[in-house]
Amino acid sequence: MSPRPAPADDIAARRKRAVRTALIAGAIAVLVYVAFLLSGVLAS
């Protein structure tokens, strides 16, 4: 059986995953926003 990671390592890993998830979600939101703007510009 593998040993459990130390609590500090676990917290750091969770924070790293949370930051990565937030960046991905933010990038998707920006892409949707840009696509919406472009669709309005190209439709006119």
PDB file of N, CA and C in Angstrom:
ATOM      1  N   MET A   1       0.838  -1.186   0.000  1.00  0.00           N
ATOM      2  CA  MET A   1       0.000   0.000   0.000  1.00  0.00           C
ATOM      3  C   MET A   1       0.878   1.243   0.000  1.00  0.00           C
ATOM      4  N   SER A   2       0.440   2.254  -0.715  1.00  0.00           N
ATOM      5  CA  SER A   2       1.223   3.481  -0.767  1.00  0.00           C
ATOM      6  C   SER A   2       0.914   4.341   0.458  1.00  0.00           C
ATOM      7  N   PRO A   3       1.930   5.010   0.983  1.00  0.00           N
ATOM      8  CA  PRO A   3       1.701   5.869   2.156  1.00  0.00           C
ATOM      9  C   PRO A   3       0.902   7.104   1.767  1.00  0.00           C
ATOM     10  N   ARG A   4       0.119   7.609   2.712  1.00  0.00           N
ATOM     11  CA  ARG A   4      -0.651   8.827   2.455  1.00  0.00           C
ATOM     12  C   ARG A   4       0.288  10.026   2.398  1.00  0.00           C
ATOM     13  N   PRO A   5       0.024  10.992   1.510  1.00  0.00           N
ATOM     14  CA  PRO A   5       0.880  12.178   1.455  1.00  0.00           C
ATOM     15  C   PRO A   5       0.726  13.013   2.725  1.00  0.00           C
ATOM     16  N   ALA A   6       1.752  13.773   3.026  1.00  0.00           N
ATOM     17  CA  ALA A   6       1.699  14.658   4.190  1.00  0.00           C
ATOM     18  C   ALA A   6       0.607  15.701   3.972  1.00  0.00           C
ATOM     19  N   PRO A   7      -0.029  16.183   5.025  1.00  0.00           N
ATOM     20  CA  PRO A   7      -1.115  17.164   4.865  1.00  0.00           C
ATOM     21  C   PRO A   7      -0.707  18.404   4.084  1.00  0.00           C
ATOM     22  N   ALA A   8       0.506  18.906   4.289  1.00  0.00           N
ATOM     23  CA  ALA A   8       0.954  20.094   3.559  1.00  0.00           C
ATOM     24  C   ALA A   8       1.046  19.793   2.065  1.00  0.00           C
ATOM     25  N   ASP A   9       1.547  18.610   1.720  1.00  0.00           N
ATOM     26  CA  ASP A   9       1.634  18.233   0.310  1.00  0.00           C
ATOM     27  C   ASP A   9       0.246  18.095  -0.289  1.00  0.00           C
ATOM     28  N   ASP A  10      -0.684  17.550   0.477  1.00  0.00           N
ATOM     29  CA  ASP A  10      -2.053  17.375   0.000  1.00  0.00           C
ATOM     30  C   ASP A  10      -2.703  18.728  -0.265  1.00  0.00           C
ATOM     31  N   ILE A  11      -2.501  19.666   0.643  1.00  0.00           N
ATOM     32  CA  ILE A  11      -3.076  21.005   0.474  1.00  0.00           C
ATOM     33  C   ILE A  11      -2.472  21.692  -0.744  1.00  0.00           C
ATOM     34  N   ALA A  12      -1.178  21.562  -0.926  1.00  0.00           N
ATOM     35  CA  ALA A  12      -0.512  22.179  -2.079  1.00  0.00           C
ATOM     36  C   ALA A  12      -1.016  21.568  -3.376  1.00  0.00           C
ATOM     37  N   ALA A  13      -1.218  20.264  -3.389  1.00  0.00           N
ATOM     38  CA  ALA A  13      -1.713  19.605  -4.601  1.00  0.00           C
ATOM     39  C   ALA A  13      -3.139  20.052  -4.898  1.00  0.00           C
ATOM     40  N   ARG A  14      -3.965  20.161  -3.861  1.00  0.00           N
ATOM     41  CA  ARG A  14      -5.347  20.623  -4.073  1.00  0.00           C
ATOM     42  C   ARG A  14      -5.368  22.055  -4.587  1.00  0.00           C
ATOM     43  N   ARG A  15      -4.500  22.895  -4.030  1.00  0.00           N
ATOM     44  CA  ARG A  15      -4.454  24.290  -4.482  1.00  0.00           C
ATOM     45  C   ARG A  15      -4.021  24.354  -5.941  1.00  0.00           C
ATOM     46  N   LYS A  16      -3.043  23.542  -6.309  1.00  0.00           N
ATOM     47  CA  LYS A  16      -2.559  23.532  -7.698  1.00  0.00           C
ATOM     48  C   LYS A  16      -3.668  23.100  -8.652  1.00  0.00           C
ATOM     49  N   ARG A  17      -4.415  22.054  -8.266  1.00  0.00           N
ATOM     50  CA  ARG A  17      -5.532  21.612  -9.106  1.00  0.00           C
ATOM     51  C   ARG A  17      -6.618  22.675  -9.190  1.00  0.00           C
ATOM     52  N   ALA A  18      -6.889  23.362  -8.083  1.00  0.00           N
ATOM     53  CA  ALA A  18      -7.922  24.403  -8.075  1.00  0.00           C
ATOM     54  C   ALA A  18      -7.525  25.568  -8.977  1.00  0.00           C
ATOM     55  N   VAL A  19      -6.265  25.953  -8.929  1.00  0.00           N
ATOM     56  CA  VAL A  19      -5.797  27.054  -9.785  1.00  0.00           C
ATOM     57  C   VAL A  19      -5.894  26.658 -11.246  1.00  0.00           C
ATOM     58  N   ARG A  20      -5.481  25.423 -11.556  1.00  0.00           N
ATOM     59  CA  ARG A  20      -5.563  24.963 -12.943  1.00  0.00           C
ATOM     60  C   ARG A  20      -7.008  24.931 -13.425  1.00  0.00           C
ATOM     61  N   THR A  21      -7.907  24.445 -12.590  1.00  0.00           N
ATOM     62  CA  THR A  21      -9.320  24.395 -12.957  1.00  0.00           C
ATOM     63  C   THR A  21      -9.874  25.803 -13.177  1.00  0.00           C
ATOM     64  N   ALA A  22      -9.509  26.741 -12.308  1.00  0.00           N
ATOM     65  CA  ALA A  22      -9.984  28.121 -12.453  1.00  0.00           C
ATOM     66  C   ALA A  22      -9.455  28.750 -13.742  1.00  0.00           C
ATOM     67  N   LEU A  23      -8.214  28.482 -14.067  1.00  0.00           N
ATOM     68  CA  LEU A  23      -7.649  29.041 -15.304  1.00  0.00           C
ATOM     69  C   LEU A  23      -8.334  28.463 -16.534  1.00  0.00           C
ATOM     70  N   ILE A  24      -8.612  27.170 -16.515  1.00  0.00           N
ATOM     71  CA  ILE A  24      -9.294  26.538 -17.645  1.00  0.00           C
ATOM     72  C   ILE A  24     -10.705  27.105 -17.785  1.00  0.00           C
ATOM     73  N   ALA A  25     -11.420  27.226 -16.664  1.00  0.00           N
ATOM     74  CA  ALA A  25     -12.778  27.775 -16.706  1.00  0.00           C
ATOM     75  C   ALA A  25     -12.759  29.219 -17.208  1.00  0.00           C
ATOM     76  N   GLY A  26     -11.791  30.001 -16.762  1.00  0.00           N
ATOM     77  CA  GLY A  26     -11.670  31.384 -17.222  1.00  0.00           C
ATOM     78  C   GLY A  26     -11.366  31.465 -18.709  1.00  0.00           C
ATOM     79  N   ALA A  27     -10.498  30.595 -19.191  1.00  0.00           N
ATOM     80  CA  ALA A  27     -10.170  30.588 -20.617  1.00  0.00           C
ATOM     81  C   ALA A  27     -11.389  30.227 -21.456  1.00  0.00           C
ATOM     82  N   ILE A  28     -12.167  29.266 -20.998  1.00  0.00           N
ATOM     83  CA  ILE A  28     -13.389  28.893 -21.722  1.00  0.00           C
ATOM     84  C   ILE A  28     -14.373  30.054 -21.732  1.00  0.00           C
ATOM     85  N   ALA A  29     -14.512  30.745 -20.599  1.00  0.00           N
ATOM     86  CA  ALA A  29     -15.419  31.891 -20.534  1.00  0.00           C
ATOM     87  C   ALA A  29     -14.988  32.991 -21.499  1.00  0.00           C
ATOM     88  N   VAL A  30     -13.694  33.261 -21.573  1.00  0.00           N
ATOM     89  CA  VAL A  30     -13.191  34.281 -22.500  1.00  0.00           C
ATOM     90  C   VAL A  30     -13.448  33.865 -23.942  1.00  0.00           C
ATOM     91  N   LEU A  31     -13.244  32.586 -24.257  1.00  0.00           N
ATOM     92  CA  LEU A  31     -13.494  32.117 -25.619  1.00  0.00           C
ATOM     93  C   LEU A  31     -14.960  32.256 -26.001  1.00  0.00           C
ATOM     94  N   VAL A  32     -15.858  31.935 -25.087  1.00  0.00           N
ATOM     95  CA  VAL A  32     -17.292  32.084 -25.360  1.00  0.00           C
ATOM     96  C   VAL A  32     -17.628  33.560 -25.571  1.00  0.00           C
ATOM     97  N   TYR A  33     -17.075  34.431 -24.751  1.00  0.00           N
ATOM     98  CA  TYR A  33     -17.316  35.867 -24.873  1.00  0.00           C
ATOM     99  C   TYR A  33     -16.818  36.394 -26.216  1.00  0.00           C
ATOM    100  N   VAL A  34     -15.614  36.005 -26.599  1.00  0.00           N
ATOM    101  CA  VAL A  34     -15.054  36.457 -27.878  1.00  0.00           C
ATOM    102  C   VAL A  34     -15.891  35.917 -29.038  1.00  0.00           C
ATOM    103  N   ALA A  35     -16.316  34.659 -28.944  1.00  0.00           N
ATOM    104  CA  ALA A  35     -17.153  34.092 -29.997  1.00  0.00           C
ATOM    105  C   ALA A  35     -18.472  34.854 -30.108  1.00  0.00           C
ATOM    106  N   PHE A  36     -19.057  35.241 -28.986  1.00  0.00           N
ATOM    107  CA  PHE A  36     -20.294  36.007 -28.991  1.00  0.00           C
ATOM    108  C   PHE A  36     -20.073  37.365 -29.655  1.00  0.00           C
ATOM    109  N   LEU A  37     -18.981  38.040 -29.295  1.00  0.00           N
ATOM    110  CA  LEU A  37     -18.695  39.327 -29.914  1.00  0.00           C
ATOM    111  C   LEU A  37     -18.471  39.187 -31.417  1.00  0.00           C
ATOM    112  N   LEU A  38     -17.705  38.194 -31.812  1.00  0.00           N
ATOM    113  CA  LEU A  38     -17.427  37.993 -33.234  1.00  0.00           C
ATOM    114  C   LEU A  38     -18.692  37.655 -34.010  1.00  0.00           C
ATOM    115  N   SER A  39     -19.576  36.878 -33.408  1.00  0.00           N
ATOM    116  CA  SER A  39     -20.812  36.533 -34.111  1.00  0.00           C
ATOM    117  C   SER A  39     -21.658  37.776 -34.340  1.00  0.00           C
ATOM    118  N   GLY A  40     -21.643  38.713 -33.393  1.00  0.00           N
ATOM    119  CA  GLY A  40     -22.376  39.959 -33.567  1.00  0.00           C
ATOM    120  C   GLY A  40     -21.735  40.832 -34.634  1.00  0.00           C
ATOM    121  N   VAL A  41     -20.419  40.871 -34.668  1.00  0.00           N
ATOM    122  CA  VAL A  41     -19.712  41.718 -35.647  1.00  0.00           C
ATOM    123  C   VAL A  41     -19.860  41.144 -37.034  1.00  0.00           C
ATOM    124  N   LEU A  42     -19.714  39.818 -37.167  1.00  0.00           N
ATOM    125  CA  LEU A  42     -19.759  39.199 -38.493  1.00  0.00           C
ATOM    126  C   LEU A  42     -21.177  39.119 -39.039  1.00  0.00           C
ATOM    127  N   ALA A  43     -22.186  39.147 -38.184  1.00  0.00           N
ATOM    128  CA  ALA A  43     -23.567  39.043 -38.643  1.00  0.00           C
ATOM    129  C   ALA A  43     -24.052  40.359 -39.252  1.00  0.00           C
ATOM    130  N   SER A  44     -23.436  41.477 -38.853  1.00  0.00           N
ATOM    131  CA  SER A  44     -23.916  42.765 -39.365  1.00  0.00           C
ATOM    132  C   SER A  44     -23.295  43.131 -40.700  1.00  0.00           C
TER     133      SER A  44
END
